[in-house]
């Protein structure tokens, strides 16, 4: 879990309008979101009824631009 230490930008009515985070915390959040995207893509692929390809064949087809 990413620990964050936000600071808030407020307007004249003391309503929160924006959040400031240290760059390192933001980068950790982005890394976590990318990992979540990978997990979702994996889950989607596993649930798909598309033909399964051996890994080496998939890499070769990607390199050759087949199926794009």
N, C-alpha and C. Protein backbone atom coordinates (compact mmCIF):
# COMPACT_ATOMS: atom_id res chain seq x y z
N UNK A 1 0.84 -1.18 0.00
CA UNK A 1 0.00 0.00 0.00
C UNK A 1 0.88 1.24 0.00
N UNK A 2 0.50 2.20 -0.80
CA UNK A 2 1.24 3.45 -0.90
C UNK A 2 0.75 4.40 0.18
N UNK A 3 1.67 4.89 0.95
CA UNK A 3 1.33 5.90 1.96
C UNK A 3 1.47 7.28 1.31
N UNK A 4 0.43 8.09 1.43
CA UNK A 4 0.48 9.42 0.84
C UNK A 4 0.33 10.48 1.92
N UNK A 5 0.92 11.60 1.63
CA UNK A 5 0.88 12.75 2.53
C UNK A 5 0.44 13.97 1.72
N UNK A 6 -0.86 14.04 1.43
CA UNK A 6 -1.35 15.11 0.56
C UNK A 6 -1.39 16.47 1.26
N UNK A 7 -1.22 17.47 0.45
CA UNK A 7 -1.47 18.85 0.85
C UNK A 7 -2.56 19.34 -0.08
N UNK A 8 -3.45 20.16 0.43
CA UNK A 8 -4.60 20.60 -0.36
C UNK A 8 -4.50 22.07 -0.73
N UNK A 9 -4.91 22.36 -1.94
CA UNK A 9 -5.08 23.74 -2.40
C UNK A 9 -6.54 24.07 -2.17
N UNK A 10 -6.79 25.14 -1.48
CA UNK A 10 -8.18 25.51 -1.17
C UNK A 10 -8.52 26.85 -1.82
N UNK A 11 -9.83 27.04 -2.04
CA UNK A 11 -10.27 28.30 -2.62
C UNK A 11 -10.63 29.30 -1.51
N UNK A 12 -11.20 30.41 -1.90
CA UNK A 12 -11.55 31.47 -0.95
C UNK A 12 -12.62 31.03 0.05
N UNK A 13 -13.35 29.97 -0.30
CA UNK A 13 -14.41 29.47 0.59
C UNK A 13 -13.94 28.25 1.39
N UNK A 14 -12.64 28.03 1.40
CA UNK A 14 -12.03 26.92 2.13
C UNK A 14 -12.42 25.54 1.58
N UNK A 15 -12.82 25.49 0.30
CA UNK A 15 -13.13 24.22 -0.34
C UNK A 15 -11.88 23.70 -1.04
N UNK A 16 -11.66 22.40 -0.91
CA UNK A 16 -10.50 21.78 -1.55
C UNK A 16 -10.67 21.80 -3.07
N UNK A 17 -9.64 22.26 -3.76
CA UNK A 17 -9.68 22.36 -5.22
C UNK A 17 -8.61 21.52 -5.90
N UNK A 18 -7.56 21.17 -5.20
CA UNK A 18 -6.47 20.39 -5.80
C UNK A 18 -5.68 19.70 -4.70
N UNK A 19 -4.88 18.73 -5.12
CA UNK A 19 -4.05 17.99 -4.17
C UNK A 19 -2.60 18.06 -4.64
N UNK A 20 -1.71 18.26 -3.70
CA UNK A 20 -0.27 18.25 -3.97
C UNK A 20 0.32 17.03 -3.27
N UNK A 21 1.16 16.30 -4.01
CA UNK A 21 1.84 15.14 -3.45
C UNK A 21 3.33 15.23 -3.76
N UNK A 22 4.16 14.70 -2.88
CA UNK A 22 5.58 14.60 -3.23
C UNK A 22 5.73 13.72 -4.48
N UNK A 23 6.70 14.04 -5.31
CA UNK A 23 6.90 13.32 -6.57
C UNK A 23 7.08 11.83 -6.34
N UNK A 24 7.83 11.44 -5.33
CA UNK A 24 8.06 10.02 -5.07
C UNK A 24 6.74 9.30 -4.78
N UNK A 25 5.86 9.92 -4.02
CA UNK A 25 4.56 9.31 -3.74
C UNK A 25 3.72 9.20 -5.01
N UNK A 26 3.76 10.23 -5.85
CA UNK A 26 3.02 10.19 -7.11
C UNK A 26 3.54 9.06 -8.00
N UNK A 27 4.86 8.91 -8.08
CA UNK A 27 5.44 7.84 -8.89
C UNK A 27 5.04 6.46 -8.37
N UNK A 28 4.94 6.31 -7.05
CA UNK A 28 4.50 5.04 -6.48
C UNK A 28 3.04 4.76 -6.86
N UNK A 29 2.21 5.78 -6.85
CA UNK A 29 0.81 5.63 -7.24
C UNK A 29 0.73 5.20 -8.70
N UNK A 30 1.49 5.84 -9.56
CA UNK A 30 1.49 5.49 -10.99
C UNK A 30 1.95 4.05 -11.17
N UNK A 31 2.99 3.63 -10.46
CA UNK A 31 3.46 2.24 -10.54
C UNK A 31 2.35 1.26 -10.13
N UNK A 32 1.64 1.58 -9.06
CA UNK A 32 0.55 0.71 -8.60
C UNK A 32 -0.57 0.65 -9.63
N UNK A 33 -0.90 1.78 -10.24
CA UNK A 33 -1.95 1.80 -11.25
C UNK A 33 -1.56 0.98 -12.48
N UNK A 34 -0.28 1.07 -12.87
CA UNK A 34 0.19 0.28 -14.00
C UNK A 34 0.13 -1.21 -13.68
N UNK A 35 0.48 -1.59 -12.47
CA UNK A 35 0.39 -2.99 -12.06
C UNK A 35 -1.07 -3.46 -12.09
N UNK A 36 -1.97 -2.61 -11.63
CA UNK A 36 -3.39 -2.95 -11.65
C UNK A 36 -3.89 -3.13 -13.08
N UNK A 37 -3.44 -2.27 -13.99
CA UNK A 37 -3.80 -2.42 -15.41
C UNK A 37 -3.32 -3.77 -15.96
N UNK A 38 -2.10 -4.16 -15.58
CA UNK A 38 -1.56 -5.44 -16.02
C UNK A 38 -2.42 -6.60 -15.50
N UNK A 39 -2.81 -6.52 -14.24
CA UNK A 39 -3.64 -7.57 -13.65
C UNK A 39 -4.99 -7.65 -14.36
N UNK A 40 -5.59 -6.51 -14.62
CA UNK A 40 -6.88 -6.49 -15.33
C UNK A 40 -6.74 -7.06 -16.74
N UNK A 41 -5.67 -6.72 -17.43
CA UNK A 41 -5.45 -7.24 -18.79
C UNK A 41 -5.26 -8.76 -18.74
N UNK A 42 -4.54 -9.24 -17.75
CA UNK A 42 -4.35 -10.68 -17.60
C UNK A 42 -5.68 -11.37 -17.33
N UNK A 43 -6.46 -10.83 -16.41
CA UNK A 43 -7.77 -11.41 -16.10
C UNK A 43 -8.67 -11.43 -17.33
N UNK A 44 -8.64 -10.35 -18.10
CA UNK A 44 -9.45 -10.27 -19.32
C UNK A 44 -9.00 -11.34 -20.33
N UNK A 45 -7.69 -11.48 -20.48
CA UNK A 45 -7.16 -12.46 -21.43
C UNK A 45 -7.52 -13.88 -20.99
N UNK A 46 -7.44 -14.16 -19.71
CA UNK A 46 -7.78 -15.50 -19.21
C UNK A 46 -9.26 -15.82 -19.44
N UNK A 47 -10.11 -14.81 -19.33
CA UNK A 47 -11.55 -15.02 -19.50
C UNK A 47 -11.97 -15.05 -20.97
N UNK A 48 -11.08 -14.63 -21.85
CA UNK A 48 -11.38 -14.56 -23.27
C UNK A 48 -11.47 -15.95 -23.89
N UNK A 49 -12.32 -16.05 -24.91
CA UNK A 49 -12.44 -17.32 -25.62
C UNK A 49 -11.54 -17.36 -26.86
N UNK A 50 -10.66 -16.36 -27.01
CA UNK A 50 -9.75 -16.34 -28.16
C UNK A 50 -8.78 -17.51 -28.09
N UNK A 51 -8.28 -17.87 -29.27
CA UNK A 51 -7.31 -18.95 -29.37
C UNK A 51 -6.06 -18.60 -28.56
N UNK A 52 -5.55 -19.57 -27.84
CA UNK A 52 -4.33 -19.39 -27.06
C UNK A 52 -3.13 -19.67 -27.94
N UNK A 53 -2.10 -18.83 -27.81
CA UNK A 53 -0.86 -19.00 -28.58
C UNK A 53 0.29 -19.29 -27.63
N UNK A 54 1.24 -20.09 -28.05
CA UNK A 54 2.46 -20.22 -27.27
C UNK A 54 3.15 -18.86 -27.19
N UNK A 55 3.81 -18.60 -26.06
CA UNK A 55 4.45 -17.31 -25.84
C UNK A 55 5.39 -16.92 -26.97
N UNK A 56 6.26 -17.83 -27.38
CA UNK A 56 7.24 -17.53 -28.43
C UNK A 56 6.55 -17.12 -29.73
N UNK A 57 5.46 -17.79 -30.06
CA UNK A 57 4.73 -17.44 -31.28
C UNK A 57 4.09 -16.06 -31.15
N UNK A 58 3.55 -15.75 -29.99
CA UNK A 58 2.94 -14.44 -29.78
C UNK A 58 3.98 -13.34 -29.93
N UNK A 59 5.16 -13.53 -29.35
CA UNK A 59 6.23 -12.54 -29.46
C UNK A 59 6.62 -12.36 -30.91
N UNK A 60 6.76 -13.47 -31.64
CA UNK A 60 7.13 -13.38 -33.06
C UNK A 60 6.08 -12.61 -33.84
N UNK A 61 4.81 -12.90 -33.60
CA UNK A 61 3.74 -12.19 -34.32
C UNK A 61 3.72 -10.70 -33.98
N UNK A 62 3.99 -10.38 -32.73
CA UNK A 62 4.05 -8.97 -32.35
C UNK A 62 5.20 -8.27 -33.09
N UNK A 63 6.35 -8.90 -33.13
CA UNK A 63 7.51 -8.32 -33.80
C UNK A 63 7.26 -8.14 -35.30
N UNK A 64 6.51 -9.07 -35.91
CA UNK A 64 6.23 -8.99 -37.34
C UNK A 64 5.01 -8.13 -37.65
N UNK A 65 4.31 -7.72 -36.62
CA UNK A 65 3.11 -6.88 -36.82
C UNK A 65 1.90 -7.67 -37.31
N UNK A 66 1.91 -8.97 -37.08
CA UNK A 66 0.78 -9.81 -37.50
C UNK A 66 -0.37 -9.62 -36.52
N UNK A 67 -1.58 -9.51 -37.08
CA UNK A 67 -2.77 -9.41 -36.24
C UNK A 67 -3.00 -8.05 -35.64
N UNK A 68 -2.23 -7.08 -36.06
CA UNK A 68 -2.38 -5.73 -35.51
C UNK A 68 -3.54 -5.00 -36.12
